PDB file of N, CA and C in Angstrom:
ATOM      1  N   MET A   1      -0.524  -0.176  16.747  1.00  0.00           N
ATOM      2  CA  MET A   1      -0.076   0.492  15.534  1.00  0.00           C
ATOM      3  C   MET A   1       1.207   1.262  15.837  1.00  0.00           C
ATOM      4  N   THR A   2       2.197   1.041  15.024  1.00  0.00           N
ATOM      5  CA  THR A   2       3.456   1.760  15.127  1.00  0.00           C
ATOM      6  C   THR A   2       3.330   3.075  14.372  1.00  0.00           C
ATOM      7  N   GLN A   3       3.984   4.096  14.872  1.00  0.00           N
ATOM      8  CA  GLN A   3       3.952   5.389  14.191  1.00  0.00           C
ATOM      9  C   GLN A   3       5.055   5.445  13.148  1.00  0.00           C
ATOM     10  N   TYR A   4       4.692   5.761  11.941  1.00  0.00           N
ATOM     11  CA  TYR A   4       5.647   5.933  10.850  1.00  0.00           C
ATOM     12  C   TYR A   4       5.500   7.346  10.318  1.00  0.00           C
ATOM     13  N   GLU A   5       6.590   7.890   9.833  1.00  0.00           N
ATOM     14  CA  GLU A   5       6.507   9.170   9.148  1.00  0.00           C
ATOM     15  C   GLU A   5       6.048   8.870   7.724  1.00  0.00           C
ATOM     16  N   ILE A   6       4.807   9.213   7.445  1.00  0.00           N
ATOM     17  CA  ILE A   6       4.195   8.935   6.143  1.00  0.00           C
ATOM     18  C   ILE A   6       4.592  10.048   5.177  1.00  0.00           C
ATOM     19  N   ASP A   7       5.169   9.660   4.044  1.00  0.00           N
ATOM     20  CA  ASP A   7       5.587  10.636   3.043  1.00  0.00           C
ATOM     21  C   ASP A   7       4.478  10.940   2.037  1.00  0.00           C
ATOM     22  N   GLN A   8       3.621   9.949   1.796  1.00  0.00           N
ATOM     23  CA  GLN A   8       2.535  10.144   0.834  1.00  0.00           C
ATOM     24  C   GLN A   8       1.362   9.246   1.215  1.00  0.00           C
ATOM     25  N   ILE A   9       0.150   9.754   1.005  1.00  0.00           N
ATOM     26  CA  ILE A   9      -1.068   8.974   1.248  1.00  0.00           C
ATOM     27  C   ILE A   9      -1.784   8.808  -0.079  1.00  0.00           C
ATOM     28  N   LEU A  10      -2.186   7.567  -0.356  1.00  0.00           N
ATOM     29  CA  LEU A  10      -2.904   7.249  -1.586  1.00  0.00           C
ATOM     30  C   LEU A  10      -4.237   6.619  -1.204  1.00  0.00           C
ATOM     31  N   ASP A  11      -5.322   7.291  -1.547  1.00  0.00           N
ATOM     32  CA  ASP A  11      -6.665   6.780  -1.247  1.00  0.00           C
ATOM     33  C   ASP A  11      -7.240   6.162  -2.516  1.00  0.00           C
ATOM     34  N   THR A  12      -7.373   4.832  -2.504  1.00  0.00           N
ATOM     35  CA  THR A  12      -7.921   4.124  -3.665  1.00  0.00           C
ATOM     36  C   THR A  12      -9.320   3.604  -3.368  1.00  0.00           C
ATOM     37  N   SER A  13      -9.980   4.193  -2.397  1.00  0.00           N
ATOM     38  CA  SER A  13     -11.335   3.771  -2.021  1.00  0.00           C
ATOM     39  C   SER A  13     -12.251   3.779  -3.239  1.00  0.00           C
ATOM     40  N   GLY A  14     -13.027   2.705  -3.378  1.00  0.00           N
ATOM     41  CA  GLY A  14     -13.978   2.597  -4.478  1.00  0.00           C
ATOM     42  C   GLY A  14     -13.401   1.962  -5.730  1.00  0.00           C
ATOM     43  N   LEU A  15     -12.088   1.806  -5.790  1.00  0.00           N
ATOM     44  CA  LEU A  15     -11.468   1.182  -6.968  1.00  0.00           C
ATOM     45  C   LEU A  15     -11.378  -0.320  -6.768  1.00  0.00           C
ATOM     46  N   ASN A  16     -11.609  -1.060  -7.837  1.00  0.00           N
ATOM     47  CA  ASN A  16     -11.547  -2.514  -7.773  1.00  0.00           C
ATOM     48  C   ASN A  16     -10.226  -3.028  -8.327  1.00  0.00           C
ATOM     49  N   CYS A  17      -9.914  -4.249  -7.963  1.00  0.00           N
ATOM     50  CA  CYS A  17      -8.712  -4.932  -8.410  1.00  0.00           C
ATOM     51  C   CYS A  17      -8.613  -4.871  -9.937  1.00  0.00           C
ATOM     52  N   PRO A  18      -7.478  -4.573 -10.481  1.00  0.00           N
ATOM     53  CA  PRO A  18      -6.147  -4.395  -9.893  1.00  0.00           C
ATOM     54  C   PRO A  18      -5.763  -2.934  -9.679  1.00  0.00           C
ATOM     55  N   LEU A  19      -6.714  -2.010  -9.782  1.00  0.00           N
ATOM     56  CA  LEU A  19      -6.383  -0.586  -9.737  1.00  0.00           C
ATOM     57  C   LEU A  19      -5.704  -0.116  -8.448  1.00  0.00           C
ATOM     58  N   PRO A  20      -6.110  -0.568  -7.251  1.00  0.00           N
ATOM     59  CA  PRO A  20      -5.396  -0.102  -6.062  1.00  0.00           C
ATOM     60  C   PRO A  20      -3.897  -0.424  -6.114  1.00  0.00           C
ATOM     61  N   LEU A  21      -3.567  -1.625  -6.546  1.00  0.00           N
ATOM     62  CA  LEU A  21      -2.161  -2.013  -6.627  1.00  0.00           C
ATOM     63  C   LEU A  21      -1.436  -1.246  -7.734  1.00  0.00           C
ATOM     64  N   LEU A  22      -2.062  -1.080  -8.874  1.00  0.00           N
ATOM     65  CA  LEU A  22      -1.423  -0.342  -9.967  1.00  0.00           C
ATOM     66  C   LEU A  22      -1.148   1.106  -9.571  1.00  0.00           C
ATOM     67  N   LYS A  23      -2.092   1.739  -8.910  1.00  0.00           N
ATOM     68  CA  LYS A  23      -1.899   3.120  -8.473  1.00  0.00           C
ATOM     69  C   LYS A  23      -0.800   3.205  -7.403  1.00  0.00           C
ATOM     70  N   ALA A  24      -0.740   2.203  -6.532  1.00  0.00           N
ATOM     71  CA  ALA A  24       0.315   2.171  -5.513  1.00  0.00           C
ATOM     72  C   ALA A  24       1.688   2.006  -6.168  1.00  0.00           C
ATOM     73  N   LYS A  25       1.774   1.148  -7.176  1.00  0.00           N
ATOM     74  CA  LYS A  25       3.048   0.970  -7.897  1.00  0.00           C
ATOM     75  C   LYS A  25       3.491   2.285  -8.535  1.00  0.00           C
ATOM     76  N   GLN A  26       2.562   2.998  -9.151  1.00  0.00           N
ATOM     77  CA  GLN A  26       2.883   4.288  -9.765  1.00  0.00           C
ATOM     78  C   GLN A  26       3.384   5.274  -8.713  1.00  0.00           C
ATOM     79  N   ALA A  27       2.707   5.312  -7.591  1.00  0.00           N
ATOM     80  CA  ALA A  27       3.104   6.234  -6.521  1.00  0.00           C
ATOM     81  C   ALA A  27       4.494   5.875  -5.999  1.00  0.00           C
ATOM     82  N   LEU A  28       4.740   4.594  -5.770  1.00  0.00           N
ATOM     83  CA  LEU A  28       6.047   4.163  -5.262  1.00  0.00           C
ATOM     84  C   LEU A  28       7.161   4.502  -6.250  1.00  0.00           C
ATOM     85  N   ASN A  29       6.890   4.344  -7.546  1.00  0.00           N
ATOM     86  CA  ASN A  29       7.898   4.644  -8.558  1.00  0.00           C
ATOM     87  C   ASN A  29       8.306   6.111  -8.557  1.00  0.00           C
ATOM     88  N   SER A  30       7.423   6.985  -8.117  1.00  0.00           N
ATOM     89  CA  SER A  30       7.723   8.418  -8.112  1.00  0.00           C
ATOM     90  C   SER A  30       8.323   8.883  -6.788  1.00  0.00           C
ATOM     91  N   MET A  31       8.453   7.977  -5.829  1.00  0.00           N
ATOM     92  CA  MET A  31       8.950   8.335  -4.503  1.00  0.00           C
ATOM     93  C   MET A  31      10.432   7.997  -4.361  1.00  0.00           C
ATOM     94  N   ALA A  32      11.094   8.668  -3.442  1.00  0.00           N
ATOM     95  CA  ALA A  32      12.504   8.399  -3.157  1.00  0.00           C
ATOM     96  C   ALA A  32      12.639   7.093  -2.366  1.00  0.00           C
ATOM     97  N   PRO A  33      13.776   6.406  -2.514  1.00  0.00           N
ATOM     98  CA  PRO A  33      14.005   5.195  -1.710  1.00  0.00           C
ATOM     99  C   PRO A  33      13.844   5.487  -0.214  1.00  0.00           C
ATOM    100  N   ASN A  34      13.304   4.519   0.486  1.00  0.00           N
ATOM    101  CA  ASN A  34      13.045   4.569   1.934  1.00  0.00           C
ATOM    102  C   ASN A  34      11.890   5.490   2.323  1.00  0.00           C
ATOM    103  N   SER A  35      11.168   6.034   1.342  1.00  0.00           N
ATOM    104  CA  SER A  35       9.960   6.803   1.634  1.00  0.00           C
ATOM    105  C   SER A  35       8.855   5.840   2.035  1.00  0.00           C
ATOM    106  N   VAL A  36       7.866   6.366   2.737  1.00  0.00           N
ATOM    107  CA  VAL A  36       6.772   5.524   3.225  1.00  0.00           C
ATOM    108  C   VAL A  36       5.455   5.983   2.601  1.00  0.00           C
ATOM    109  N   LEU A  37       4.737   5.016   2.037  1.00  0.00           N
ATOM    110  CA  LEU A  37       3.445   5.242   1.388  1.00  0.00           C
ATOM    111  C   LEU A  37       2.347   4.588   2.215  1.00  0.00           C
ATOM    112  N   LYS A  38       1.296   5.339   2.478  1.00  0.00           N
ATOM    113  CA  LYS A  38       0.109   4.785   3.140  1.00  0.00           C
ATOM    114  C   LYS A  38      -0.966   4.655   2.077  1.00  0.00           C
ATOM    115  N   VAL A  39      -1.475   3.430   1.900  1.00  0.00           N
ATOM    116  CA  VAL A  39      -2.521   3.167   0.915  1.00  0.00           C
ATOM    117  C   VAL A  39      -3.800   2.807   1.653  1.00  0.00           C
ATOM    118  N   ILE A  40      -4.892   3.435   1.239  1.00  0.00           N
ATOM    119  CA  ILE A  40      -6.216   3.142   1.782  1.00  0.00           C
ATOM    120  C   ILE A  40      -7.017   2.506   0.645  1.00  0.00           C
ATOM    121  N   ALA A  41      -7.591   1.339   0.902  1.00  0.00           N
ATOM    122  CA  ALA A  41      -8.336   0.620  -0.137  1.00  0.00           C
ATOM    123  C   ALA A  41      -9.621   0.040   0.439  1.00  0.00           C
ATOM    124  N   THR A  42     -10.598  -0.184  -0.442  1.00  0.00           N
ATOM    125  CA  THR A  42     -11.854  -0.822  -0.032  1.00  0.00           C
ATOM    126  C   THR A  42     -12.051  -2.172  -0.706  1.00  0.00           C
ATOM    127  N   ASP A  43     -11.187  -2.517  -1.637  1.00  0.00           N
ATOM    128  CA  ASP A  43     -11.299  -3.778  -2.367  1.00  0.00           C
ATOM    129  C   ASP A  43     -10.677  -4.906  -1.546  1.00  0.00           C
ATOM    130  N   SER A  44     -11.455  -5.940  -1.240  1.00  0.00           N
ATOM    131  CA  SER A  44     -10.952  -7.045  -0.418  1.00  0.00           C
ATOM    132  C   SER A  44      -9.825  -7.817  -1.112  1.00  0.00           C
ATOM    133  N   GLY A  45      -9.770  -7.759  -2.433  1.00  0.00           N
ATOM    134  CA  GLY A  45      -8.688  -8.412  -3.163  1.00  0.00           C
ATOM    135  C   GLY A  45      -7.340  -7.767  -2.911  1.00  0.00           C
ATOM    136  N   SER A  46      -7.357  -6.547  -2.398  1.00  0.00           N
ATOM    137  CA  SER A  46      -6.096  -5.847  -2.135  1.00  0.00           C
ATOM    138  C   SER A  46      -5.291  -6.535  -1.034  1.00  0.00           C
ATOM    139  N   ILE A  47      -5.941  -7.265  -0.147  1.00  0.00           N
ATOM    140  CA  ILE A  47      -5.235  -7.977   0.924  1.00  0.00           C
ATOM    141  C   ILE A  47      -4.220  -8.931   0.312  1.00  0.00           C
ATOM    142  N   ARG A  48      -4.656  -9.737  -0.611  1.00  0.00           N
ATOM    143  CA  ARG A  48      -3.795 -10.696  -1.298  1.00  0.00           C
ATOM    144  C   ARG A  48      -2.784  -9.982  -2.189  1.00  0.00           C
ATOM    145  N   ASP A  49      -3.247  -8.971  -2.932  1.00  0.00           N
ATOM    146  CA  ASP A  49      -2.399  -8.284  -3.911  1.00  0.00           C
ATOM    147  C   ASP A  49      -1.209  -7.581  -3.278  1.00  0.00           C
ATOM    148  N   PHE A  50      -1.434  -6.817  -2.218  1.00  0.00           N
ATOM    149  CA  PHE A  50      -0.340  -6.053  -1.615  1.00  0.00           C
ATOM    150  C   PHE A  50       0.681  -6.961  -0.944  1.00  0.00           C
ATOM    151  N   LYS A  51       0.231  -8.028  -0.321  1.00  0.00           N
ATOM    152  CA  LYS A  51       1.154  -8.982   0.300  1.00  0.00           C
ATOM    153  C   LYS A  51       2.029  -9.626  -0.767  1.00  0.00           C
ATOM    154  N   ALA A  52       1.431 -10.111  -1.845  1.00  0.00           N
ATOM    155  CA  ALA A  52       2.193 -10.763  -2.919  1.00  0.00           C
ATOM    156  C   ALA A  52       3.156  -9.772  -3.569  1.00  0.00           C
ATOM    157  N   PHE A  53       2.704  -8.554  -3.805  1.00  0.00           N
ATOM    158  CA  PHE A  53       3.543  -7.542  -4.440  1.00  0.00           C
ATOM    159  C   PHE A  53       4.786  -7.238  -3.604  1.00  0.00           C
ATOM    160  N   THR A  54       4.597  -6.994  -2.321  1.00  0.00           N
ATOM    161  CA  THR A  54       5.753  -6.645  -1.488  1.00  0.00           C
ATOM    162  C   THR A  54       6.664  -7.859  -1.259  1.00  0.00           C
ATOM    163  N   ASP A  55       6.115  -9.065  -1.260  1.00  0.00           N
ATOM    164  CA  ASP A  55       6.949 -10.265  -1.136  1.00  0.00           C
ATOM    165  C   ASP A  55       7.859 -10.431  -2.350  1.00  0.00           C
ATOM    166  N   GLN A  56       7.398  -9.983  -3.522  1.00  0.00           N
ATOM    167  CA  GLN A  56       8.133 -10.196  -4.768  1.00  0.00           C
ATOM    168  C   GLN A  56       8.911  -8.956  -5.226  1.00  0.00           C
ATOM    169  N   SER A  57       8.911  -7.899  -4.436  1.00  0.00           N
ATOM    170  CA  SER A  57       9.601  -6.671  -4.833  1.00  0.00           C
ATOM    171  C   SER A  57      10.598  -6.284  -3.743  1.00  0.00           C
ATOM    172  N   ASP A  58      11.297  -5.192  -3.965  1.00  0.00           N
ATOM    173  CA  ASP A  58      12.234  -4.711  -2.943  1.00  0.00           C
ATOM    174  C   ASP A  58      11.560  -3.754  -1.969  1.00  0.00           C
ATOM    175  N   HIS A  59      10.241  -3.590  -2.074  1.00  0.00           N
ATOM    176  CA  HIS A  59       9.484  -2.755  -1.144  1.00  0.00           C
ATOM    177  C   HIS A  59       9.091  -3.593   0.076  1.00  0.00           C
ATOM    178  N   SER A  60       8.885  -2.930   1.209  1.00  0.00           N
ATOM    179  CA  SER A  60       8.534  -3.637   2.437  1.00  0.00           C
ATOM    180  C   SER A  60       7.141  -3.245   2.908  1.00  0.00           C
ATOM    181  N   LEU A  61       6.335  -4.246   3.220  1.00  0.00           N
ATOM    182  CA  LEU A  61       5.025  -4.001   3.828  1.00  0.00           C
ATOM    183  C   LEU A  61       5.268  -3.891   5.329  1.00  0.00           C
ATOM    184  N   LEU A  62       5.332  -2.653   5.816  1.00  0.00           N
ATOM    185  CA  LEU A  62       5.645  -2.420   7.221  1.00  0.00           C
ATOM    186  C   LEU A  62       4.495  -2.820   8.128  1.00  0.00           C
ATOM    187  N   GLU A  63       3.287  -2.548   7.664  1.00  0.00           N
ATOM    188  CA  GLU A  63       2.106  -2.829   8.466  1.00  0.00           C
ATOM    189  C   GLU A  63       0.888  -2.859   7.571  1.00  0.00           C
ATOM    190  N   SER A  64      -0.098  -3.658   7.953  1.00  0.00           N
ATOM    191  CA  SER A  64      -1.373  -3.641   7.239  1.00  0.00           C
ATOM    192  C   SER A  64      -2.491  -3.848   8.248  1.00  0.00           C
ATOM    193  N   PHE A  65      -3.591  -3.181   7.980  1.00  0.00           N
ATOM    194  CA  PHE A  65      -4.782  -3.294   8.821  1.00  0.00           C
ATOM    195  C   PHE A  65      -5.899  -3.754   7.901  1.00  0.00           C
ATOM    196  N   THR A  66      -6.251  -5.014   8.002  1.00  0.00           N
ATOM    197  CA  THR A  66      -7.217  -5.574   7.068  1.00  0.00           C
ATOM    198  C   THR A  66      -8.411  -6.202   7.780  1.00  0.00           C
ATOM    199  N   ASP A  67      -8.536  -5.934   9.082  1.00  0.00           N
ATOM    200  CA  ASP A  67      -9.649  -6.544   9.803  1.00  0.00           C
ATOM    201  C   ASP A  67     -10.972  -5.842   9.567  1.00  0.00           C
ATOM    202  N   LEU A  68     -10.953  -4.601   9.153  1.00  0.00           N
ATOM    203  CA  LEU A  68     -12.178  -3.920   8.740  1.00  0.00           C
ATOM    204  C   LEU A  68     -11.893  -2.954   7.610  1.00  0.00           C
ATOM    205  N   GLU A  69     -12.952  -2.592   6.931  1.00  0.00           N
ATOM    206  CA  GLU A  69     -12.814  -1.642   5.822  1.00  0.00           C
ATOM    207  C   GLU A  69     -12.731  -0.238   6.381  1.00  0.00           C
ATOM    208  N   PRO A  70     -11.977   0.667   5.817  1.00  0.00           N
ATOM    209  CA  PRO A  70     -11.089   0.436   4.689  1.00  0.00           C
ATOM    210  C   PRO A  70      -9.834  -0.310   5.126  1.00  0.00           C
ATOM    211  N   TYR A  71      -9.208  -0.960   4.157  1.00  0.00           N
ATOM    212  CA  TYR A  71      -7.955  -1.664   4.393  1.00  0.00           C
ATOM    213  C   TYR A  71      -6.832  -0.646   4.271  1.00  0.00           C
ATOM    214  N   VAL A  72      -5.839  -0.745   5.144  1.00  0.00           N
ATOM    215  CA  VAL A  72      -4.733   0.211   5.156  1.00  0.00           C
ATOM    216  C   VAL A  72      -3.419  -0.558   5.052  1.00  0.00           C
ATOM    217  N   TYR A  73      -2.544  -0.072   4.187  1.00  0.00           N
ATOM    218  CA  TYR A  73      -1.218  -0.672   3.973  1.00  0.00           C
ATOM    219  C   TYR A  73      -0.163   0.401   4.122  1.00  0.00           C
ATOM    220  N   ILE A  74       0.861   0.104   4.895  1.00  0.00           N
ATOM    221  CA  ILE A  74       1.998   1.013   5.060  1.00  0.00           C
ATOM    222  C   ILE A  74       3.183   0.337   4.358  1.00  0.00           C
ATOM    223  N   ILE A  75       3.653   0.969   3.296  1.00  0.00           N
ATOM    224  CA  ILE A  75       4.693   0.365   2.455  1.00  0.00           C
ATOM    225  C   ILE A  75       5.907   1.281   2.408  1.00  0.00           C
ATOM    226  N   LYS A  76       7.074   0.685   2.646  1.00  0.00           N
ATOM    227  CA  LYS A  76       8.330   1.419   2.550  1.00  0.00           C
ATOM    228  C   LYS A  76       8.955   1.113   1.192  1.00  0.00           C
ATOM    229  N   ARG A  77       9.264   2.162   0.453  1.00  0.00           N
ATOM    230  CA  ARG A  77       9.855   1.984  -0.880  1.00  0.00           C
ATOM    231  C   ARG A  77      11.267   1.441  -0.733  1.00  0.00           C
ATOM    232  N   GLY A  78      11.574   0.434  -1.545  1.00  0.00           N
ATOM    233  CA  GLY A  78      12.905  -0.185  -1.547  1.00  0.00           C
ATOM    234  C   GLY A  78      13.916   0.635  -2.288  1.00  0.00           C
TER     235      GLY A  78
END
């Protein structure tokens, strides 16, 4: 695991698809460019959702830990 300076942590534990991604989008929209968001999720669908979202946006998925619950995503705002 690489160390990142996390600017905001969003815990979406217990929320089902698509809420973890929607809440992450809201959080990213309120953050300054190049800020880093750490998202914690328990929904297995978030693995697919966060990868697709960052592939199609100007945000970068710096790291993800999806081998066990909770799933963790480190996203840099574009």
